[in-house]
Amino acid sequence: MSKTQKLIAMEDRFGAHNYHPLDIVIKKAEGVWVEDVEGNRFMDFLAAYSAVNQGHCHPRLLKVMKRQAAKVCLTSRAFRNDQLPYFCQEICELTGFAKVLPMNSGAEAVETAIKAARKWGEKVKGIAKDQAEIIVCADNFHGRTTTIVGFSTEDQYKDGFGPFTPGFKVIPYGDLKALEKAITPSTAAFLVEPIQGESGIKVPPAGFLAQAHELCRKHNALLICDEIQSGLGRTGKLFAFEHEGIVPDAVIVGKALSGGFYPVSAFLSSEEVMGVFHPGDHGSTFGGNPLGMAVAREALRVLSDEKLVENSAKLGPWFMEKLGEIESKSIQLIRGKGLWVGMVLDRPARPYCEALMHEGMLCKETHETVIRLAPPLTITKKELNMALTRIKKVFKKLDG
């Protein structure tokens, strides 16, 4: 039995079977490249679902993490620490939002946004007690908590986990008329991904987000953009909503906020919205901890200093164009923005992902028929050309 097989068998025996990963066991990584326990090297085209936009084990992040870990890691929010103030100032100045509330996981940040929207709806807008509604989109993915999966349209995410939290309306993604029809005096917010990631890198019709923004303003409802996957450079802008020239009332960030070193997420909004929170209303033992804040500060600086947003904007369209030139009877559509691409097939995508793994390239299927391609934003044109060679080889082999 190989080392890979031994470790997989061990995980299968003692671990919960809530994932279906590719059968590769990674032991180390650097930049765009990872290495398995057998010594084989692979290009990473998932980037931990966009959590490592800065590349694996970025030396600057590693240095900051080691330095901060030797000082103080956790104080809880019962006391103040010397990293949180700087993080708050720096991320607000970078993004233009007035206030930030740091958390840990993306799902926690979404829950924070839900609580903020509901309380704002009741205390500021004047919605009747316990009647605030939030509009969401079909095929959304905002996390895995029971509240969040309750407004998912994916049956598996909900199966056996009910009863669910009321107060959510679901409309088709990108359907402006449906949004307008769904809005009532009890609408507190519209929560939306500017580009849907888990559903297959779905881009809404041009102008949808801008028009949704206008509708929300007209009806005094908050527009909240979930940019946990799409934000921090992935689409060629700092945030995907910037492609439509708008600024939402709030934005949710996570994943690449810490470059893969530590779970850090955040809810960013205005003075008015964040002002609904008072001591004791909401919190987290680890949210805003000095280790996480130090790493997040450096992760944001790396994005800026190394021009990773610009790299995504430059290489993304070229990469999509080259993917579109691949002759294949199985490819139905190439869609995406920046270095975030979905290859929509007319058949299951899993065999293609497995074949790409054997060619030294890691990616993951989503919604069964879509291959998601999202490399670290540090990737070079030369490395993208290497990936294209491997992709062409696999499609030539499997399409026959």
Protein backbone atom coordinates (compact mmCIF):
# COMPACT_ATOMS: atom_id res chain seq x y z
CA MET A 1 0.00 0.00 0.00
CA SER A 2 1.41 3.40 -0.99
CA LYS A 3 1.65 6.27 1.46
CA THR A 4 -1.22 8.00 -0.35
CA GLN A 5 -3.47 4.95 -0.04
CA LYS A 6 -2.55 4.52 3.63
CA LEU A 7 -3.42 8.11 4.51
CA ILE A 8 -6.67 8.04 2.52
CA ALA A 9 -7.71 4.82 4.27
CA MET A 10 -6.93 6.37 7.65
CA GLU A 11 -8.98 9.50 6.89
CA ASP A 12 -11.89 7.43 5.57
CA ARG A 13 -11.89 5.28 8.70
CA PHE A 14 -11.71 8.02 11.33
CA GLY A 15 -13.01 11.12 9.54
CA ALA A 16 -16.53 12.17 8.59
CA HIS A 17 -17.43 11.48 4.96
CA ASN A 18 -18.74 14.96 4.18
CA TYR A 19 -16.40 15.63 1.25
CA HIS A 20 -15.53 13.85 -1.99
CA PRO A 21 -11.99 15.09 -2.66
CA LEU A 22 -9.70 14.07 -5.45
CA ASP A 23 -7.41 11.31 -4.22
CA ILE A 24 -4.28 13.35 -3.83
CA VAL A 25 -2.62 13.91 -0.44
CA ILE A 26 -0.75 17.22 -0.38
CA LYS A 27 2.17 17.67 1.99
CA LYS A 28 3.55 21.07 0.97
CA ALA A 29 2.95 23.98 -1.38
CA GLU A 30 4.52 27.16 -2.67
CA GLY A 31 3.05 29.78 -4.99
CA VAL A 32 1.01 28.06 -7.69
CA TRP A 33 2.54 24.64 -7.04
CA VAL A 34 1.74 21.86 -4.57
CA GLU A 35 3.50 18.57 -3.85
CA ASP A 36 1.95 15.30 -2.72
CA VAL A 37 3.32 12.71 -0.28
CA GLU A 38 4.80 10.72 -3.17
CA GLY A 39 6.85 13.71 -4.35
CA ASN A 40 4.69 14.56 -7.41
CA ARG A 41 4.16 18.26 -8.26
CA PHE A 42 0.89 19.80 -9.42
CA MET A 43 -0.38 23.21 -10.51
CA ASP A 44 -3.16 24.37 -8.20
CA PHE A 45 -6.13 25.71 -10.16
CA LEU A 46 -8.55 25.85 -7.23
CA ALA A 47 -6.55 28.09 -4.86
CA ALA A 48 -8.52 26.68 -1.90
CA TYR A 49 -11.72 28.15 -3.35
CA SER A 50 -9.95 31.54 -3.75
CA ALA A 51 -8.52 31.57 -0.23
CA VAL A 52 -4.92 31.62 -1.49
CA ASN A 53 -5.10 34.41 -4.06
CA GLN A 54 -1.65 35.44 -2.80
CA GLY A 55 -0.26 31.98 -3.59
CA HIS A 56 0.58 29.16 -1.18
CA CYS A 57 2.83 29.89 1.80
CA HIS A 58 3.63 33.44 0.78
CA PRO A 59 6.92 34.30 2.53
CA ARG A 60 5.71 37.70 3.74
CA LEU A 61 2.63 36.16 5.35
CA LEU A 62 4.70 33.40 6.90
CA LYS A 63 7.11 35.97 8.38
CA VAL A 64 4.29 38.05 9.87
CA MET A 65 2.51 35.02 11.27
CA LYS A 66 5.66 33.74 12.99
CA ARG A 67 6.44 37.16 14.41
CA GLN A 68 2.94 37.75 15.75
CA ALA A 69 2.57 34.19 17.09
CA ALA A 70 5.64 34.77 19.23
CA LYS A 71 4.02 37.87 20.77
CA VAL A 72 0.32 37.24 21.40
CA CYS A 73 -2.27 35.19 19.46
CA LEU A 74 -5.55 35.61 21.31
CA THR A 75 -6.93 38.00 23.89
CA SER A 76 -10.66 37.63 23.13
CA ARG A 77 -12.61 40.84 22.66
CA ALA A 78 -12.84 41.23 26.44
CA PHE A 79 -9.58 43.17 26.04
CA ARG A 80 -8.14 45.27 23.25
CA ASN A 81 -5.12 44.28 21.15
CA ASP A 82 -2.61 46.30 19.16
CA GLN A 83 -3.42 44.76 15.73
CA LEU A 84 -7.20 45.21 15.49
CA PRO A 85 -7.17 49.04 15.31
CA TYR A 86 -4.71 49.03 12.42
CA PHE A 87 -6.68 46.33 10.58
CA CYS A 88 -9.91 48.29 10.96
CA GLN A 89 -8.36 51.49 9.64
CA GLU A 90 -6.49 49.86 6.78
CA ILE A 91 -9.34 47.76 5.40
CA CYS A 92 -11.79 50.65 5.67
CA GLU A 93 -9.41 53.01 3.88
CA LEU A 94 -8.74 50.38 1.20
CA THR A 95 -12.39 49.55 0.55
CA GLY A 96 -14.08 52.88 1.27
CA PHE A 97 -16.49 51.49 3.85
CA ALA A 98 -16.88 53.32 7.17
CA LYS A 99 -16.95 50.39 9.58
CA VAL A 100 -15.79 46.77 9.79
CA LEU A 101 -16.68 43.85 12.04
CA PRO A 102 -14.11 41.03 11.80
CA MET A 103 -15.09 37.39 12.22
CA ASN A 104 -13.45 34.05 11.33
CA SER A 105 -15.22 31.96 8.70
CA GLY A 106 -17.15 33.20 5.71
CA ALA A 107 -20.36 31.72 7.07
CA GLU A 108 -19.90 33.70 10.31
CA ALA A 109 -19.55 36.90 8.30
CA VAL A 110 -22.74 36.08 6.37
CA GLU A 111 -24.56 35.44 9.65
CA THR A 112 -23.26 38.81 10.83
CA ALA A 113 -24.67 40.45 7.72
CA ILE A 114 -28.05 38.77 8.24
CA LYS A 115 -28.24 39.94 11.84
CA ALA A 116 -27.18 43.48 10.88
CA ALA A 117 -29.74 43.66 8.06
CA ARG A 118 -32.58 42.40 10.24
CA LYS A 119 -31.79 44.72 13.13
CA TRP A 120 -31.33 47.67 10.77
CA GLY A 121 -34.68 46.82 9.18
CA GLU A 122 -36.46 46.82 12.50
CA LYS A 123 -34.67 49.59 14.39
CA VAL A 124 -33.88 52.02 11.56
CA LYS A 125 -36.29 51.33 8.70
CA GLY A 126 -39.17 50.58 11.05
CA ILE A 127 -40.19 47.10 9.93
CA ALA A 128 -42.51 45.41 12.42
CA LYS A 129 -40.85 43.23 15.06
CA ASP A 130 -39.72 39.83 13.71
CA GLN A 131 -41.09 40.62 10.22
CA ALA A 132 -37.90 41.69 8.38
CA GLU A 133 -37.33 39.86 5.10
CA ILE A 134 -34.14 39.28 3.13
CA ILE A 135 -34.23 38.50 -0.60
CA VAL A 136 -31.69 35.98 -1.94
CA CYS A 137 -31.07 34.28 -5.29
CA ALA A 138 -31.59 30.74 -6.53
CA ASP A 139 -28.40 28.67 -6.75
CA ASN A 140 -26.80 30.83 -4.08
CA PHE A 141 -24.00 29.65 -1.83
CA HIS A 142 -23.44 31.71 1.30
CA GLY A 143 -22.23 29.06 3.74
CA ARG A 144 -23.20 25.96 5.69
CA THR A 145 -24.96 27.09 8.89
CA THR A 146 -28.57 25.99 9.37
CA THR A 147 -29.90 29.49 8.72
CA ILE A 148 -27.92 29.83 5.50
CA VAL A 149 -28.66 26.38 4.06
CA GLY A 150 -32.32 27.05 4.82
CA PHE A 151 -32.48 29.59 1.99
CA SER A 152 -30.38 27.49 -0.41
CA THR A 153 -32.08 25.97 -3.44
CA GLU A 154 -29.74 22.96 -3.41
CA ASP A 155 -31.78 20.08 -1.95
CA GLN A 156 -28.74 18.20 -0.62
CA TYR A 157 -27.63 21.18 1.46
CA LYS A 158 -30.98 21.11 3.29
CA ASP A 159 -31.77 17.39 3.45
CA GLY A 160 -32.35 16.37 7.06
CA PHE A 161 -31.26 19.68 8.59
CA GLY A 162 -34.66 21.35 9.09
CA PRO A 163 -36.62 23.13 10.47
CA PHE A 164 -35.19 26.29 8.96
CA THR A 165 -35.17 29.98 9.78
CA PRO A 166 -38.01 31.94 8.13
CA GLY A 167 -37.72 35.40 6.63
CA PHE A 168 -36.09 34.75 3.26
CA LYS A 169 -37.45 35.10 -0.28
CA VAL A 170 -35.75 33.41 -3.24
CA ILE A 171 -35.72 34.90 -6.76
CA PRO A 172 -34.02 33.69 -9.96
CA TYR A 173 -30.43 34.92 -10.22
CA GLY A 174 -30.08 37.96 -12.45
CA ASP A 175 -33.85 38.52 -12.75
CA LEU A 176 -34.50 42.21 -12.10
CA LYS A 177 -38.26 41.98 -12.56
CA ALA A 178 -38.45 39.18 -10.01
CA LEU A 179 -36.44 41.29 -7.58
CA GLU A 180 -38.75 44.26 -7.98
CA LYS A 181 -41.79 42.05 -7.48
CA ALA A 182 -40.31 40.47 -4.35
CA ILE A 183 -39.61 43.76 -2.59
CA THR A 184 -42.19 44.79 0.03
CA PRO A 185 -42.22 47.33 2.88
CA SER A 186 -40.81 44.48 5.05
CA THR A 187 -37.74 43.98 2.85
CA ALA A 188 -34.60 44.73 4.84
CA ALA A 189 -31.99 43.63 2.31
CA PHE A 190 -31.06 41.92 -0.92
CA LEU A 191 -28.15 39.51 -0.32
CA VAL A 192 -26.39 38.52 -3.53
CA GLU A 193 -23.14 37.18 -4.97
CA PRO A 194 -22.02 39.53 -7.79
CA ILE A 195 -20.83 36.32 -9.51
CA GLN A 196 -22.04 32.97 -8.23
CA GLY A 197 -19.10 30.69 -7.53
CA GLU A 198 -20.39 27.33 -6.31
CA SER A 199 -23.12 27.23 -8.91
CA GLY A 200 -20.52 27.28 -11.67
CA ILE A 201 -19.04 30.79 -12.03
CA LYS A 202 -22.35 32.28 -13.15
CA VAL A 203 -22.15 35.90 -14.26
CA PRO A 204 -25.48 37.82 -14.17
CA PRO A 205 -26.69 39.90 -17.14
CA ALA A 206 -24.77 43.14 -17.63
CA GLY A 207 -26.33 45.92 -15.58
CA PHE A 208 -28.17 43.64 -13.17
CA LEU A 209 -26.21 44.65 -10.09
CA ALA A 210 -26.38 48.36 -10.90
CA GLN A 211 -30.13 48.19 -11.45
CA ALA A 212 -30.58 46.10 -8.31
CA HIS A 213 -28.68 48.81 -6.46
CA GLU A 214 -31.11 51.43 -7.74
CA LEU A 215 -34.10 49.31 -6.76
CA CYS A 216 -32.76 48.87 -3.25
CA ARG A 217 -32.22 52.60 -2.90
CA LYS A 218 -35.71 53.32 -4.20
CA HIS A 219 -37.31 50.99 -1.65
CA ASN A 220 -34.94 51.77 1.26
CA ALA A 221 -33.49 48.26 1.38
CA LEU A 222 -29.85 47.31 1.84
CA LEU A 223 -27.81 45.82 -1.00
CA ILE A 224 -25.34 43.35 0.55
CA CYS A 225 -22.74 41.77 -1.72
CA ASP A 226 -21.18 38.46 -0.70
CA GLU A 227 -17.64 38.76 -2.07
CA ILE A 228 -16.10 35.93 -0.07
CA GLN A 229 -15.00 34.14 -3.26
CA SER A 230 -15.31 36.90 -5.85
CA GLY A 231 -13.58 39.62 -3.87
CA LEU A 232 -9.97 40.63 -3.20
CA GLY A 233 -8.81 40.52 -6.80
CA ARG A 234 -10.29 37.30 -8.13
CA THR A 235 -12.26 38.94 -10.97
CA GLY A 236 -9.72 41.60 -11.93
CA LYS A 237 -11.12 44.23 -9.55
CA LEU A 238 -10.72 44.44 -5.80
CA PHE A 239 -14.44 43.60 -5.65
CA ALA A 240 -16.63 42.17 -8.39
CA PHE A 241 -19.29 44.84 -7.79
CA GLU A 242 -16.81 47.42 -9.10
CA HIS A 243 -17.34 46.08 -12.62
CA GLU A 244 -20.77 47.76 -12.51
CA GLY A 245 -19.55 51.00 -10.97
CA ILE A 246 -21.55 50.76 -7.77
CA VAL A 247 -20.91 50.71 -4.03
CA PRO A 248 -23.32 48.45 -2.11
CA ASP A 249 -24.49 49.20 1.41
CA ALA A 250 -22.38 46.35 2.75
CA VAL A 251 -19.91 43.74 1.60
CA ILE A 252 -18.85 40.40 3.06
CA VAL A 253 -15.24 39.26 2.66
CA GLY A 254 -13.22 36.23 3.76
CA LYS A 255 -10.99 33.52 2.25
CA ALA A 256 -8.13 35.53 0.65
CA LEU A 257 -8.39 38.07 3.47
CA SER A 258 -5.73 35.99 5.23
CA GLY A 259 -4.00 34.42 2.22
CA GLY A 260 -4.79 30.91 3.44
CA PHE A 261 -2.81 31.21 6.69
CA TYR A 262 -5.66 31.72 9.14
CA PRO A 263 -9.48 31.96 9.08
CA VAL A 264 -10.37 35.66 8.83
CA SER A 265 -13.58 37.16 7.49
CA ALA A 266 -15.29 40.52 7.83
CA PHE A 267 -18.51 42.44 7.37
CA LEU A 268 -18.02 45.96 6.01
CA SER A 269 -20.72 48.60 6.00
CA SER A 270 -21.78 52.14 6.86
CA GLU A 271 -21.95 53.96 10.18
CA GLU A 272 -25.74 53.64 10.11
CA VAL A 273 -25.85 49.88 9.53
CA MET A 274 -23.00 48.97 11.86
CA GLY A 275 -24.47 51.29 14.46
CA VAL A 276 -27.25 48.79 15.21
CA PHE A 277 -24.73 46.63 17.09
CA HIS A 278 -24.23 47.40 20.77
CA PRO A 279 -22.08 45.59 23.36
CA GLY A 280 -23.51 42.13 23.90
CA ASP A 281 -25.48 42.02 20.62
CA HIS A 282 -23.00 39.97 18.62
CA GLY A 283 -19.44 38.73 18.81
CA SER A 284 -16.83 36.00 18.55
CA THR A 285 -14.05 34.82 20.87
CA PHE A 286 -11.57 34.58 18.00
CA GLY A 287 -12.96 37.34 15.74
CA GLY A 288 -10.51 40.24 15.60
CA ASN A 289 -7.72 38.31 17.35
CA PRO A 290 -4.22 39.78 17.01
CA LEU A 291 -2.77 36.84 15.07
CA GLY A 292 -5.56 36.93 12.49
CA MET A 293 -5.45 40.72 12.22
CA ALA A 294 -1.68 40.82 11.69
CA VAL A 295 -1.91 38.21 8.93
CA ALA A 296 -4.89 39.92 7.27
CA ARG A 297 -3.12 43.27 7.23
CA GLU A 298 -0.16 41.75 5.43
CA ALA A 299 -2.40 39.76 3.07
CA LEU A 300 -4.04 43.00 1.91
CA ARG A 301 -0.65 44.65 1.45
CA VAL A 302 0.57 41.73 -0.67
CA LEU A 303 -2.44 42.08 -2.98
CA SER A 304 -1.57 45.72 -3.49
CA ASP A 305 2.23 45.60 -3.54
CA GLU A 306 2.43 42.68 -5.98
CA LYS A 307 -0.37 44.07 -8.19
CA LEU A 308 -2.29 40.80 -8.03
CA VAL A 309 -5.60 42.45 -8.87
CA GLU A 310 -4.01 43.88 -11.99
CA ASN A 311 -2.53 40.48 -12.87
CA SER A 312 -5.99 38.94 -12.75
CA ALA A 313 -7.39 41.72 -14.94
CA LYS A 314 -4.58 41.29 -17.46
CA LEU A 315 -4.26 37.51 -17.70
CA GLY A 316 -7.88 36.51 -17.10
CA PRO A 317 -9.36 37.66 -20.44
CA TRP A 318 -6.40 36.19 -22.34
CA PHE A 319 -6.78 32.85 -20.55
CA MET A 320 -10.53 32.73 -21.26
CA GLU A 321 -9.90 33.54 -24.92
CA LYS A 322 -7.42 30.68 -25.20
CA LEU A 323 -9.81 28.28 -23.46
CA GLY A 324 -12.48 29.29 -25.95
CA GLU A 325 -10.20 28.25 -28.82
CA ILE A 326 -10.00 24.64 -27.63
CA GLU A 327 -11.68 22.34 -30.12
CA SER A 328 -13.98 20.11 -28.12
CA LYS A 329 -17.44 18.68 -28.62
CA SER A 330 -18.00 18.51 -24.86
CA ILE A 331 -17.41 22.19 -24.03
CA GLN A 332 -20.70 24.08 -24.13
CA LEU A 333 -19.63 27.44 -22.70
CA ILE A 334 -16.68 29.28 -21.20
CA ARG A 335 -17.75 31.91 -18.68
CA GLY A 336 -16.25 33.96 -15.89
CA LYS A 337 -14.33 37.12 -15.13
CA GLY A 338 -10.67 37.69 -14.34
CA LEU A 339 -8.90 34.53 -13.22
CA TRP A 340 -12.18 32.85 -12.29
CA VAL A 341 -13.45 30.64 -15.09
CA GLY A 342 -16.12 27.99 -15.47
CA MET A 343 -15.90 25.46 -18.31
CA VAL A 344 -19.46 24.20 -18.80
CA LEU A 345 -19.58 20.69 -20.27
CA ASP A 346 -22.39 18.58 -21.71
CA ARG A 347 -21.32 15.69 -19.47
CA PRO A 348 -19.95 15.04 -15.95
CA ALA A 349 -16.86 17.11 -15.21
CA ARG A 350 -15.37 14.81 -12.58
CA PRO A 351 -13.54 12.51 -15.06
CA TYR A 352 -11.91 15.58 -16.63
CA CYS A 353 -10.75 16.83 -13.22
CA GLU A 354 -9.34 13.40 -12.40
CA ALA A 355 -7.55 13.24 -15.77
CA LEU A 356 -6.12 16.73 -15.23
CA MET A 357 -4.83 15.60 -11.85
CA HIS A 358 -2.91 12.80 -13.57
CA GLU A 359 -1.45 15.45 -15.88
CA GLY A 360 -0.24 17.49 -12.90
CA MET A 361 -3.04 20.05 -12.63
CA LEU A 362 -5.58 20.33 -9.82
CA CYS A 363 -9.08 21.69 -10.25
CA LYS A 364 -12.53 20.70 -9.01
CA GLU A 365 -15.90 20.13 -10.58
CA THR A 366 -18.91 22.07 -9.36
CA HIS A 367 -22.57 21.38 -10.06
CA GLU A 368 -21.50 18.16 -11.76
CA THR A 369 -20.88 19.54 -15.26
CA VAL A 370 -18.68 22.60 -14.63
CA ILE A 371 -14.90 22.64 -14.28
CA ARG A 372 -13.90 25.57 -12.08
CA LEU A 373 -10.52 27.16 -12.82
CA ALA A 374 -9.21 29.61 -10.23
CA PRO A 375 -5.42 29.65 -9.82
CA PRO A 376 -3.59 31.84 -7.31
CA LEU A 377 -3.37 35.38 -8.65
CA THR A 378 0.42 35.12 -8.59
CA ILE A 379 0.31 32.89 -11.65
CA THR A 380 2.33 33.88 -14.73
CA LYS A 381 1.46 33.74 -18.41
CA LYS A 382 4.06 31.00 -18.81
CA GLU A 383 2.33 28.90 -16.15
CA LEU A 384 -1.07 29.52 -17.74
CA ASN A 385 0.35 28.27 -21.04
CA MET A 386 1.53 25.13 -19.27
CA ALA A 387 -2.00 24.66 -17.95
CA LEU A 388 -3.52 25.17 -21.39
CA THR A 389 -1.29 22.41 -22.80
CA ARG A 390 -2.53 20.01 -20.14
CA ILE A 391 -6.16 21.00 -20.60
CA LYS A 392 -5.98 20.49 -24.36
CA LYS A 393 -4.38 17.09 -23.89
CA VAL A 394 -7.11 15.91 -21.51
CA PHE A 395 -9.98 17.11 -23.70
CA LYS A 396 -8.42 15.50 -26.76
CA LYS A 397 -8.17 12.22 -24.89
CA LEU A 398 -11.59 12.18 -23.17
CA ASP A 399 -13.68 13.69 -25.95
CA GLY A 400 -13.01 10.73 -28.22
